[in-house]
Amino acid sequence: MAGRNASDTLKVRTLGVAKALNLESGGQLLVAKALGSDKDAAMNAIDGKSVGSEGPPRQVVGTPIDTNATDRELRQAFDRFWLARALTGPYDKKEWAQLRSEFLARGMALPTYPNAGPAPVLCALYSAREGKPVGWDKKKLVEVAHRVVSGHPRLLRIFRQAMAHYGRCDQLRAEDRTGKWERAVEDFARHIDNELRFKHNPAFDDIIAFLFPELKRQEGTEE
């Protein structure tokens, strides 16, 4: 088409691939790969931006991320970001953009906004690891468990696995004064193999395995 510049062409091509594949945020990686190695241009186009449209970089408010970070350093940077804020609270957009770029370089696509995509499973797993609610506005770990049961039952398998791995089962039983969690676990055990509501969603397995490699090594364990 006459008059179309390179950035417009990239944007149209990216959105065309995404539409053809019917992808949302979790499928951005496939689009980026289809466009080649220019991940910054690809990510901008996926988000509906033209290359170079944002002007000069803004001052970083959060902790700067080493662009050549090792996997361990990147995990630590992500931990700092996730543990420092409520899920629906303000966040440093530059820091999140850097994290997205580093994850994409490793073959993993984080969503445009941190409260989308894998946010529920990350809140559940960080809560299990830390022994207290992370991300969600709750006061006790058992409240996180109830939220998983009522709102995200497909996370029950990996949440229970994390609770066992991090030694939180006794804590959860002590906090479960109504027996609601115990009844949920019994229901889960009876129906795990034949109800879709408990079927594991593998969409973010790569991100989970990267951030919680200790759970990947223990895969298949149960409380």
C-alpha atoms as a PDB file:
ATOM      1  CA  MET A   1       0.000   0.000   0.000  1.00  0.00           C
ATOM      2  CA  ALA A   2       1.420   3.372  -1.031  1.00  0.00           C
ATOM      3  CA  GLY A   3       2.658   5.660   1.730  1.00  0.00           C
ATOM      4  CA  ARG A   4       2.916   2.979   4.427  1.00  0.00           C
ATOM      5  CA  ASN A   5       6.104   3.316   6.477  1.00  0.00           C
ATOM      6  CA  ALA A   6       8.077   0.512   8.109  1.00  0.00           C
ATOM      7  CA  SER A   7       6.473   0.837  11.552  1.00  0.00           C
ATOM      8  CA  ASP A   8       2.972   0.780  10.075  1.00  0.00           C
ATOM      9  CA  THR A   9       3.856  -2.314   8.101  1.00  0.00           C
ATOM     10  CA  LEU A  10       5.188  -4.024  11.252  1.00  0.00           C
ATOM     11  CA  LYS A  11       2.065  -3.102  13.209  1.00  0.00           C
ATOM     12  CA  VAL A  12      -0.321  -4.370  10.542  1.00  0.00           C
ATOM     13  CA  ARG A  13       1.700  -7.531  10.099  1.00  0.00           C
ATOM     14  CA  THR A  14       1.748  -8.215  13.867  1.00  0.00           C
ATOM     15  CA  LEU A  15      -1.949  -7.619  14.389  1.00  0.00           C
ATOM     16  CA  GLY A  16      -2.723  -9.703  11.325  1.00  0.00           C
ATOM     17  CA  VAL A  17      -0.772 -12.658  12.703  1.00  0.00           C
ATOM     18  CA  ALA A  18      -2.389 -12.254  16.139  1.00  0.00           C
ATOM     19  CA  LYS A  19      -5.868 -12.113  14.618  1.00  0.00           C
ATOM     20  CA  ALA A  20      -5.224 -15.102  12.403  1.00  0.00           C
ATOM     21  CA  LEU A  21      -4.031 -17.145  15.388  1.00  0.00           C
ATOM     22  CA  ASN A  22      -6.775 -15.767  17.673  1.00  0.00           C
ATOM     23  CA  LEU A  23      -4.189 -14.916  20.329  1.00  0.00           C
ATOM     24  CA  GLU A  24      -4.440 -12.844  23.483  1.00  0.00           C
ATOM     25  CA  SER A  25      -1.623 -11.803  25.843  1.00  0.00           C
ATOM     26  CA  GLY A  26      -0.400 -15.359  26.419  1.00  0.00           C
ATOM     27  CA  GLY A  27       0.178 -15.802  22.693  1.00  0.00           C
ATOM     28  CA  GLN A  28       2.245 -12.683  22.126  1.00  0.00           C
ATOM     29  CA  LEU A  29       5.412 -14.755  22.051  1.00  0.00           C
ATOM     30  CA  LEU A  30       4.298 -16.588  18.899  1.00  0.00           C
ATOM     31  CA  VAL A  31       3.649 -13.261  17.191  1.00  0.00           C
ATOM     32  CA  ALA A  32       7.017 -11.892  18.254  1.00  0.00           C
ATOM     33  CA  LYS A  33       8.766 -14.997  16.978  1.00  0.00           C
ATOM     34  CA  ALA A  34       6.926 -14.727  13.690  1.00  0.00           C
ATOM     35  CA  LEU A  35       8.376 -11.241  13.233  1.00  0.00           C
ATOM     36  CA  GLY A  36      11.952 -12.170  13.935  1.00  0.00           C
ATOM     37  CA  SER A  37      14.422 -10.911  16.537  1.00  0.00           C
ATOM     38  CA  ASP A  38      13.252  -7.293  16.904  1.00  0.00           C
ATOM     39  CA  LYS A  39      11.365  -7.973  20.135  1.00  0.00           C
ATOM     40  CA  ASP A  40      10.974  -4.296  21.122  1.00  0.00           C
ATOM     41  CA  ALA A  41       9.303  -3.413  17.842  1.00  0.00           C
ATOM     42  CA  ALA A  42       7.157  -6.531  18.025  1.00  0.00           C
ATOM     43  CA  MET A  43       5.998  -5.813  21.581  1.00  0.00           C
ATOM     44  CA  ASN A  44       5.173  -2.214  20.705  1.00  0.00           C
ATOM     45  CA  ALA A  45       3.176  -3.331  17.699  1.00  0.00           C
ATOM     46  CA  ILE A  46       1.322  -5.959  19.732  1.00  0.00           C
ATOM     47  CA  ASP A  47       0.267  -3.252  22.187  1.00  0.00           C
ATOM     48  CA  GLY A  48      -0.966  -1.054  19.332  1.00  0.00           C
ATOM     49  CA  LYS A  49       1.964   1.375  19.330  1.00  0.00           C
ATOM     50  CA  SER A  50       4.165   2.506  16.494  1.00  0.00           C
ATOM     51  CA  VAL A  51       7.899   2.070  16.876  1.00  0.00           C
ATOM     52  CA  GLY A  52       9.466   5.145  18.433  1.00  0.00           C
ATOM     53  CA  SER A  53       6.133   6.739  19.352  1.00  0.00           C
ATOM     54  CA  GLU A  54       6.808   7.061  23.068  1.00  0.00           C
ATOM     55  CA  GLY A  55       9.597   9.665  22.868  1.00  0.00           C
ATOM     56  CA  PRO A  56      12.617   9.669  25.219  1.00  0.00           C
ATOM     57  CA  PRO A  57      12.695   7.140  28.087  1.00  0.00           C
ATOM     58  CA  ARG A  58      11.219   8.270  31.381  1.00  0.00           C
ATOM     59  CA  GLN A  59      13.160   8.213  34.647  1.00  0.00           C
ATOM     60  CA  VAL A  60      13.066   4.784  36.303  1.00  0.00           C
ATOM     61  CA  VAL A  61      11.277   4.960  39.656  1.00  0.00           C
ATOM     62  CA  GLY A  62      11.666   1.342  40.699  1.00  0.00           C
ATOM     63  CA  THR A  63      14.819  -0.752  40.934  1.00  0.00           C
ATOM     64  CA  PRO A  64      16.700  -0.719  37.597  1.00  0.00           C
ATOM     65  CA  ILE A  65      17.001  -4.130  35.979  1.00  0.00           C
ATOM     66  CA  ASP A  66      20.291  -5.242  34.482  1.00  0.00           C
ATOM     67  CA  THR A  67      19.549  -5.892  30.819  1.00  0.00           C
ATOM     68  CA  ASN A  68      22.075  -8.729  30.924  1.00  0.00           C
ATOM     69  CA  ALA A  69      20.606 -10.202  34.090  1.00  0.00           C
ATOM     70  CA  THR A  70      21.092 -13.866  34.842  1.00  0.00           C
ATOM     71  CA  ASP A  71      18.015 -15.986  35.432  1.00  0.00           C
ATOM     72  CA  ARG A  72      18.552 -15.802  39.187  1.00  0.00           C
ATOM     73  CA  GLU A  73      18.863 -12.018  39.115  1.00  0.00           C
ATOM     74  CA  LEU A  74      15.755 -11.749  36.981  1.00  0.00           C
ATOM     75  CA  ARG A  75      13.787 -13.918  39.417  1.00  0.00           C
ATOM     76  CA  GLN A  76      14.937 -11.679  42.257  1.00  0.00           C
ATOM     77  CA  ALA A  77      13.936  -8.551  40.332  1.00  0.00           C
ATOM     78  CA  PHE A  78      10.496 -10.002  39.638  1.00  0.00           C
ATOM     79  CA  ASP A  79      10.126 -11.012  43.301  1.00  0.00           C
ATOM     80  CA  ARG A  80      10.888  -7.456  44.418  1.00  0.00           C
ATOM     81  CA  PHE A  81       8.344  -6.053  41.995  1.00  0.00           C
ATOM     82  CA  TRP A  82       5.568  -8.497  42.889  1.00  0.00           C
ATOM     83  CA  LEU A  83       6.038  -8.497  46.660  1.00  0.00           C
ATOM     84  CA  ALA A  84       6.142  -4.716  46.947  1.00  0.00           C
ATOM     85  CA  ARG A  85       2.636  -3.922  45.714  1.00  0.00           C
ATOM     86  CA  ALA A  86      -1.027  -4.838  45.839  1.00  0.00           C
ATOM     87  CA  LEU A  87      -2.342  -6.418  42.660  1.00  0.00           C
ATOM     88  CA  THR A  88      -4.629  -3.489  41.867  1.00  0.00           C
ATOM     89  CA  GLY A  89      -2.263  -0.829  43.218  1.00  0.00           C
ATOM     90  CA  PRO A  90       0.037   1.539  41.316  1.00  0.00           C
ATOM     91  CA  TYR A  91       3.199   0.178  39.779  1.00  0.00           C
ATOM     92  CA  ASP A  92       6.274   1.433  37.966  1.00  0.00           C
ATOM     93  CA  LYS A  93       5.472   1.114  34.266  1.00  0.00           C
ATOM     94  CA  LYS A  94       9.107   1.348  33.207  1.00  0.00           C
ATOM     95  CA  GLU A  95      10.115  -1.428  35.578  1.00  0.00           C
ATOM     96  CA  TRP A  96       7.294  -3.661  34.318  1.00  0.00           C
ATOM     97  CA  ALA A  97       8.267  -2.947  30.708  1.00  0.00           C
ATOM     98  CA  GLN A  98      11.847  -4.000  31.498  1.00  0.00           C
ATOM     99  CA  LEU A  99      10.623  -7.204  33.107  1.00  0.00           C
ATOM    100  CA  ARG A 100       8.460  -7.954  30.059  1.00  0.00           C
ATOM    101  CA  SER A 101      11.427  -7.427  27.772  1.00  0.00           C
ATOM    102  CA  GLU A 102      13.700  -9.713  29.818  1.00  0.00           C
ATOM    103  CA  PHE A 103      11.065 -12.448  29.994  1.00  0.00           C
ATOM    104  CA  LEU A 104      10.376 -12.223  26.265  1.00  0.00           C
ATOM    105  CA  ALA A 105      14.093 -12.623  25.589  1.00  0.00           C
ATOM    106  CA  ARG A 106      13.825 -15.952  27.433  1.00  0.00           C
ATOM    107  CA  GLY A 107      10.778 -17.067  25.442  1.00  0.00           C
ATOM    108  CA  MET A 108       8.051 -16.037  27.921  1.00  0.00           C
ATOM    109  CA  ALA A 109       5.374 -13.391  27.300  1.00  0.00           C
ATOM    110  CA  LEU A 110       4.174 -11.337  30.264  1.00  0.00           C
ATOM    111  CA  PRO A 111       0.923  -9.379  29.789  1.00  0.00           C
ATOM    112  CA  THR A 112       0.783  -5.642  29.139  1.00  0.00           C
ATOM    113  CA  TYR A 113      -0.505  -5.032  32.660  1.00  0.00           C
ATOM    114  CA  PRO A 114       0.687  -6.917  35.768  1.00  0.00           C
ATOM    115  CA  ASN A 115      -2.842  -7.577  37.046  1.00  0.00           C
ATOM    116  CA  ALA A 116      -3.694  -9.627  33.931  1.00  0.00           C
ATOM    117  CA  GLY A 117      -2.709 -13.053  32.611  1.00  0.00           C
ATOM    118  CA  PRO A 118      -0.883 -15.108  35.257  1.00  0.00           C
ATOM    119  CA  ALA A 119      -1.654 -12.677  38.119  1.00  0.00           C
ATOM    120  CA  PRO A 120      -3.994 -15.029  40.072  1.00  0.00           C
ATOM    121  CA  VAL A 121      -1.624 -17.981  40.036  1.00  0.00           C
ATOM    122  CA  LEU A 122       1.323 -15.747  40.952  1.00  0.00           C
ATOM    123  CA  CYS A 123      -0.590 -14.275  43.899  1.00  0.00           C
ATOM    124  CA  ALA A 124      -1.517 -17.779  45.055  1.00  0.00           C
ATOM    125  CA  LEU A 125       2.025 -19.159  44.777  1.00  0.00           C
ATOM    126  CA  TYR A 126       3.751 -16.150  46.309  1.00  0.00           C
ATOM    127  CA  SER A 127       1.242 -16.291  49.190  1.00  0.00           C
ATOM    128  CA  ALA A 128       2.044 -19.965  49.744  1.00  0.00           C
ATOM    129  CA  ARG A 129       5.762 -19.267  49.652  1.00  0.00           C
ATOM    130  CA  GLU A 130       5.631 -16.254  51.970  1.00  0.00           C
ATOM    131  CA  GLY A 131       3.041 -17.706  54.352  1.00  0.00           C
ATOM    132  CA  LYS A 132       0.831 -14.628  54.076  1.00  0.00           C
ATOM    133  CA  PRO A 133      -1.407 -12.990  51.464  1.00  0.00           C
ATOM    134  CA  VAL A 134       0.501 -11.479  48.561  1.00  0.00           C
ATOM    135  CA  GLY A 135      -1.179  -9.269  45.989  1.00  0.00           C
ATOM    136  CA  TRP A 136      -4.725  -9.892  47.162  1.00  0.00           C
ATOM    137  CA  ASP A 137      -6.325  -7.768  49.888  1.00  0.00           C
ATOM    138  CA  LYS A 138      -6.565 -10.515  52.492  1.00  0.00           C
ATOM    139  CA  LYS A 139      -5.376 -10.834  56.077  1.00  0.00           C
ATOM    140  CA  LYS A 140      -4.708 -14.565  56.447  1.00  0.00           C
ATOM    141  CA  LEU A 141      -3.376 -17.339  54.261  1.00  0.00           C
ATOM    142  CA  VAL A 142      -6.621 -19.287  54.652  1.00  0.00           C
ATOM    143  CA  GLU A 143      -8.461 -16.374  53.003  1.00  0.00           C
ATOM    144  CA  VAL A 144      -6.180 -16.804  49.998  1.00  0.00           C
ATOM    145  CA  ALA A 145      -7.077 -20.505  49.970  1.00  0.00           C
ATOM    146  CA  HIS A 146     -10.791 -19.659  50.010  1.00  0.00           C
ATOM    147  CA  ARG A 147     -10.302 -17.262  47.105  1.00  0.00           C
ATOM    148  CA  VAL A 148      -8.547 -19.964  45.113  1.00  0.00           C
ATOM    149  CA  VAL A 149     -11.391 -22.395  45.820  1.00  0.00           C
ATOM    150  CA  SER A 150     -14.192 -19.985  44.962  1.00  0.00           C
ATOM    151  CA  GLY A 151     -12.644 -17.966  42.155  1.00  0.00           C
ATOM    152  CA  HIS A 152      -9.786 -19.997  40.676  1.00  0.00           C
ATOM    153  CA  PRO A 153     -10.429 -23.732  41.232  1.00  0.00           C
ATOM    154  CA  ARG A 154      -8.129 -24.643  38.347  1.00  0.00           C
ATOM    155  CA  LEU A 155      -5.259 -23.431  40.534  1.00  0.00           C
ATOM    156  CA  LEU A 156      -6.061 -25.812  43.382  1.00  0.00           C
ATOM    157  CA  ARG A 157      -3.652 -28.527  42.302  1.00  0.00           C
ATOM    158  CA  ILE A 158      -0.587 -26.311  42.077  1.00  0.00           C
ATOM    159  CA  PHE A 159      -1.641 -24.254  45.127  1.00  0.00           C
ATOM    160  CA  ARG A 160      -1.826 -27.392  47.270  1.00  0.00           C
ATOM    161  CA  GLN A 161       1.494 -28.517  45.848  1.00  0.00           C
ATOM    162  CA  ALA A 162       3.038 -25.191  46.832  1.00  0.00           C
ATOM    163  CA  MET A 163       1.487 -25.289  50.308  1.00  0.00           C
ATOM    164  CA  ALA A 164       3.034 -28.703  50.888  1.00  0.00           C
ATOM    165  CA  HIS A 165       6.426 -27.749  49.474  1.00  0.00           C
ATOM    166  CA  TYR A 166       6.718 -24.574  51.555  1.00  0.00           C
ATOM    167  CA  GLY A 167       5.488 -26.281  54.738  1.00  0.00           C
ATOM    168  CA  ARG A 168       2.266 -24.261  55.062  1.00  0.00           C
ATOM    169  CA  CYS A 169      -0.234 -27.102  55.550  1.00  0.00           C
ATOM    170  CA  ASP A 170      -0.234 -26.943  59.370  1.00  0.00           C
ATOM    171  CA  GLN A 171      -0.603 -23.161  59.239  1.00  0.00           C
ATOM    172  CA  LEU A 172      -3.576 -23.477  56.928  1.00  0.00           C
ATOM    173  CA  ARG A 173      -5.250 -26.090  59.114  1.00  0.00           C
ATOM    174  CA  ALA A 174      -4.790 -23.885  62.176  1.00  0.00           C
ATOM    175  CA  GLU A 175      -6.368 -20.920  60.389  1.00  0.00           C
ATOM    176  CA  ASP A 176      -9.231 -23.017  58.965  1.00  0.00           C
ATOM    177  CA  ARG A 177     -11.465 -22.719  62.022  1.00  0.00           C
ATOM    178  CA  THR A 178     -14.689 -23.226  60.042  1.00  0.00           C
ATOM    179  CA  GLY A 179     -13.443 -26.344  58.233  1.00  0.00           C
ATOM    180  CA  LYS A 180     -14.252 -24.748  54.882  1.00  0.00           C
ATOM    181  CA  TRP A 181     -10.793 -25.426  53.432  1.00  0.00           C
ATOM    182  CA  GLU A 182     -10.815 -29.043  54.619  1.00  0.00           C
ATOM    183  CA  ARG A 183     -14.187 -29.621  52.936  1.00  0.00           C
ATOM    184  CA  ALA A 184     -12.901 -28.011  49.740  1.00  0.00           C
ATOM    185  CA  VAL A 185      -9.884 -30.332  49.732  1.00  0.00           C
ATOM    186  CA  GLU A 186     -12.148 -33.350  50.178  1.00  0.00           C
ATOM    187  CA  ASP A 187     -14.332 -32.186  47.294  1.00  0.00           C
ATOM    188  CA  PHE A 188     -11.232 -31.641  45.166  1.00  0.00           C
ATOM    189  CA  ALA A 189      -9.933 -35.134  45.938  1.00  0.00           C
ATOM    190  CA  ARG A 190     -13.248 -36.716  44.928  1.00  0.00           C
ATOM    191  CA  HIS A 191     -13.660 -34.852  41.651  1.00  0.00           C
ATOM    192  CA  ILE A 192     -10.141 -33.994  40.477  1.00  0.00           C
ATOM    193  CA  ASP A 193     -10.138 -36.521  37.641  1.00  0.00           C
ATOM    194  CA  ASN A 194     -13.599 -35.932  36.187  1.00  0.00           C
ATOM    195  CA  GLU A 195     -14.511 -32.256  36.568  1.00  0.00           C
ATOM    196  CA  LEU A 196     -13.305 -29.528  34.250  1.00  0.00           C
ATOM    197  CA  ARG A 197     -13.418 -26.922  37.026  1.00  0.00           C
ATOM    198  CA  PHE A 198     -10.289 -28.517  38.515  1.00  0.00           C
ATOM    199  CA  LYS A 199      -8.482 -29.066  35.222  1.00  0.00           C
ATOM    200  CA  HIS A 200      -5.029 -27.487  35.275  1.00  0.00           C
ATOM    201  CA  ASN A 201      -4.531 -24.561  32.891  1.00  0.00           C
ATOM    202  CA  PRO A 202      -1.064 -24.909  31.290  1.00  0.00           C
ATOM    203  CA  ALA A 203      -1.071 -21.415  29.733  1.00  0.00           C
ATOM    204  CA  PHE A 204       1.483 -20.019  32.194  1.00  0.00           C
ATOM    205  CA  ASP A 205       3.481 -23.135  33.027  1.00  0.00           C
ATOM    206  CA  ASP A 206       6.651 -21.630  31.559  1.00  0.00           C
ATOM    207  CA  ILE A 207       6.420 -18.529  33.768  1.00  0.00           C
ATOM    208  CA  ILE A 208       5.612 -20.610  36.858  1.00  0.00           C
ATOM    209  CA  ALA A 209       8.523 -22.973  36.192  1.00  0.00           C
ATOM    210  CA  PHE A 210      10.893 -20.027  35.790  1.00  0.00           C
ATOM    211  CA  LEU A 211       9.801 -18.136  38.921  1.00  0.00           C
ATOM    212  CA  PHE A 212       9.275 -21.221  41.111  1.00  0.00           C
ATOM    213  CA  PRO A 213      11.760 -23.828  39.848  1.00  0.00           C
ATOM    214  CA  GLU A 214      11.555 -25.655  43.165  1.00  0.00           C
ATOM    215  CA  LEU A 215       7.896 -26.473  42.408  1.00  0.00           C
ATOM    216  CA  LYS A 216       8.790 -27.764  38.963  1.00  0.00           C
ATOM    217  CA  ARG A 217      11.227 -30.180  40.548  1.00  0.00           C
ATOM    218  CA  GLN A 218       8.465 -31.367  42.886  1.00  0.00           C
ATOM    219  CA  GLU A 219       5.817 -31.635  40.165  1.00  0.00           C
ATOM    220  CA  GLY A 220       3.126 -34.158  40.891  1.00  0.00           C
ATOM    221  CA  THR A 221       3.340 -33.956  44.693  1.00  0.00           C
ATOM    222  CA  GLU A 222       0.217 -33.323  46.720  1.00  0.00           C
ATOM    223  CA  GLU A 223      -0.613 -32.268  50.263  1.00  0.00           C
END
